[in-house]
Each structure stands twice: as C-alpha cells, then as structure tokens.
Amino acid sequence: MTAYVLQQFRVTDYATFKHVYLDDLERRRRLGSRGGRVFHAVGDEHEITVLIEYDSAANAHQFAQSIELQEAVKWATSDVVPQKIVVLEELLQSEA
C-alpha cells in the first residue's frame, strides 16, 4: 500500500536545503521512494514541506527513522529545525 513521509522544516537557506535534498535521491530510491515534492508556505519561503511517496509503510518508516535522514537535515544548514516528520498511509483518493 502506498505510504508517504511528510516533513516540515524551517530553513534559512533554501539553496543549501535543495542541494542536500537532491543529493539524497538515490538513497530514497533504494528505500522504495517513488518521488517527492517540496513546497513552501505562501508568504514564508523559509517554511518548507516535503512529501515523499513510498511503495510501503515499512520503507517509509525506515526512511523517516534513518540516521542518514537526521544527518542530511543537519548538513542542509545548521539552522534547519525539523518541526514534523510523519509517515502517512493513503486511505482515499477523490477526483475533486
């Protein structure tokens, strides 16, 4: 069943965050990632939300709890503060 990892961060330097996020692509793929999206809050470009799709809840949990994720967050910038990391399972889709 499809699962997602939802991450919310406050960053000071988006370019550094983007670089670290893209550098972690292959590791996420090996863990079953099907792709991700990065958003920022309207009116606050430093409030970042990441939504990554995984092939299973087990793989999503493995990613969310990984030491590598913790290290990637630290490398992104010393001022990145993870506010939320949660694993979600899809229950329903609708057309609108």
Protein backbone atom coordinates (compact mmCIF):
# COMPACT_ATOMS: atom_id res chain seq x y z
CA MET A 1 0.00 0.00 0.00
CA THR A 2 1.27 3.47 -0.86
CA ALA A 3 2.68 5.46 2.05
CA TYR A 4 4.10 8.96 2.36
CA VAL A 5 6.65 10.72 4.53
CA LEU A 6 5.61 14.28 5.40
CA GLN A 7 8.38 16.54 6.66
CA GLN A 8 8.13 20.17 7.69
CA PHE A 9 11.18 22.35 8.24
CA ARG A 10 12.11 25.94 8.83
CA VAL A 11 15.19 26.72 6.71
CA THR A 12 17.33 29.81 6.39
CA ASP A 13 18.98 28.88 3.09
CA TYR A 14 16.74 27.11 0.56
CA ALA A 15 19.60 26.60 -1.95
CA THR A 16 21.55 24.54 0.60
CA PHE A 17 18.44 22.57 1.54
CA LYS A 18 17.70 21.85 -2.13
CA HIS A 19 21.25 20.64 -2.75
CA VAL A 20 21.14 18.21 0.19
CA TYR A 21 17.63 17.03 -0.74
CA LEU A 22 18.63 16.26 -4.33
CA ASP A 23 21.88 14.58 -3.24
CA ASP A 24 19.82 12.09 -1.19
CA LEU A 25 17.77 10.98 -4.22
CA GLU A 26 19.46 7.61 -4.81
CA ARG A 27 19.20 6.56 -1.17
CA ARG A 28 15.50 7.40 -1.14
CA ARG A 29 15.05 5.35 -4.34
CA ARG A 30 16.79 2.34 -2.79
CA LEU A 31 14.34 2.57 0.12
CA GLY A 32 11.32 2.47 -2.22
CA SER A 33 10.69 6.16 -2.90
CA ARG A 34 8.53 6.82 -5.93
CA GLY A 35 9.28 10.54 -5.92
CA GLY A 36 8.70 13.60 -3.83
CA ARG A 37 7.52 17.17 -3.84
CA VAL A 38 8.85 20.21 -2.00
CA PHE A 39 6.56 23.12 -1.10
CA HIS A 40 6.93 26.39 0.75
CA ALA A 41 4.26 28.20 2.69
CA VAL A 42 2.59 31.09 0.89
CA GLY A 43 4.11 34.23 2.31
CA ASP A 44 7.01 32.41 4.04
CA GLU A 45 9.61 30.89 1.72
CA HIS A 46 11.56 29.55 4.71
CA GLU A 47 8.73 27.23 5.84
CA ILE A 48 9.34 24.07 3.78
CA THR A 49 7.12 20.99 3.48
CA VAL A 50 8.37 17.81 1.81
CA LEU A 51 6.04 14.99 0.76
CA ILE A 52 7.73 11.77 -0.45
CA GLU A 53 5.80 8.79 -1.78
CA TYR A 54 6.96 5.27 -0.83
CA ASP A 55 5.99 1.82 -2.03
CA SER A 56 5.22 0.64 1.52
CA ALA A 57 4.70 1.92 5.04
CA ALA A 58 7.66 -0.18 6.21
CA ASN A 59 10.01 1.55 3.75
CA ALA A 60 8.58 4.96 4.62
CA HIS A 61 9.21 4.27 8.34
CA GLN A 62 12.72 3.05 7.58
CA PHE A 63 13.47 6.34 5.80
CA ALA A 64 11.80 8.54 8.43
CA GLN A 65 13.76 6.91 11.27
CA SER A 66 17.10 6.68 9.49
CA ILE A 67 20.31 8.14 10.79
CA GLU A 68 21.01 9.31 7.23
CA LEU A 69 17.89 11.50 7.28
CA GLN A 70 18.97 13.05 10.56
CA GLU A 71 22.43 13.71 9.14
CA ALA A 72 21.02 15.13 5.88
CA VAL A 73 18.91 17.57 7.89
CA LYS A 74 22.00 18.67 9.82
CA TRP A 75 24.01 19.06 6.59
CA ALA A 76 21.30 21.12 4.91
CA THR A 77 22.12 24.01 7.22
CA SER A 78 22.85 24.44 10.89
CA ASP A 79 19.62 26.41 11.18
CA VAL A 80 17.24 23.73 9.85
CA VAL A 81 14.79 22.80 12.57
CA PRO A 82 12.66 19.72 11.85
CA GLN A 83 9.22 20.60 13.06
CA LYS A 84 7.43 17.47 11.95
CA ILE A 85 8.21 14.11 10.37
CA VAL A 86 5.27 11.74 10.00
CA VAL A 87 4.51 8.59 7.99
CA LEU A 88 1.09 8.52 6.34
CA GLU A 89 -0.85 5.76 4.61
CA GLU A 90 -3.26 6.66 1.85
CA LEU A 91 -6.90 5.82 2.60
CA LEU A 92 -8.85 7.55 -0.13
CA GLN A 93 -8.46 9.50 -3.36
CA SER A 94 -11.14 11.66 -4.93
CA GLU A 95 -11.48 13.48 -8.24
CA ALA A 96 -12.03 16.87 -6.65
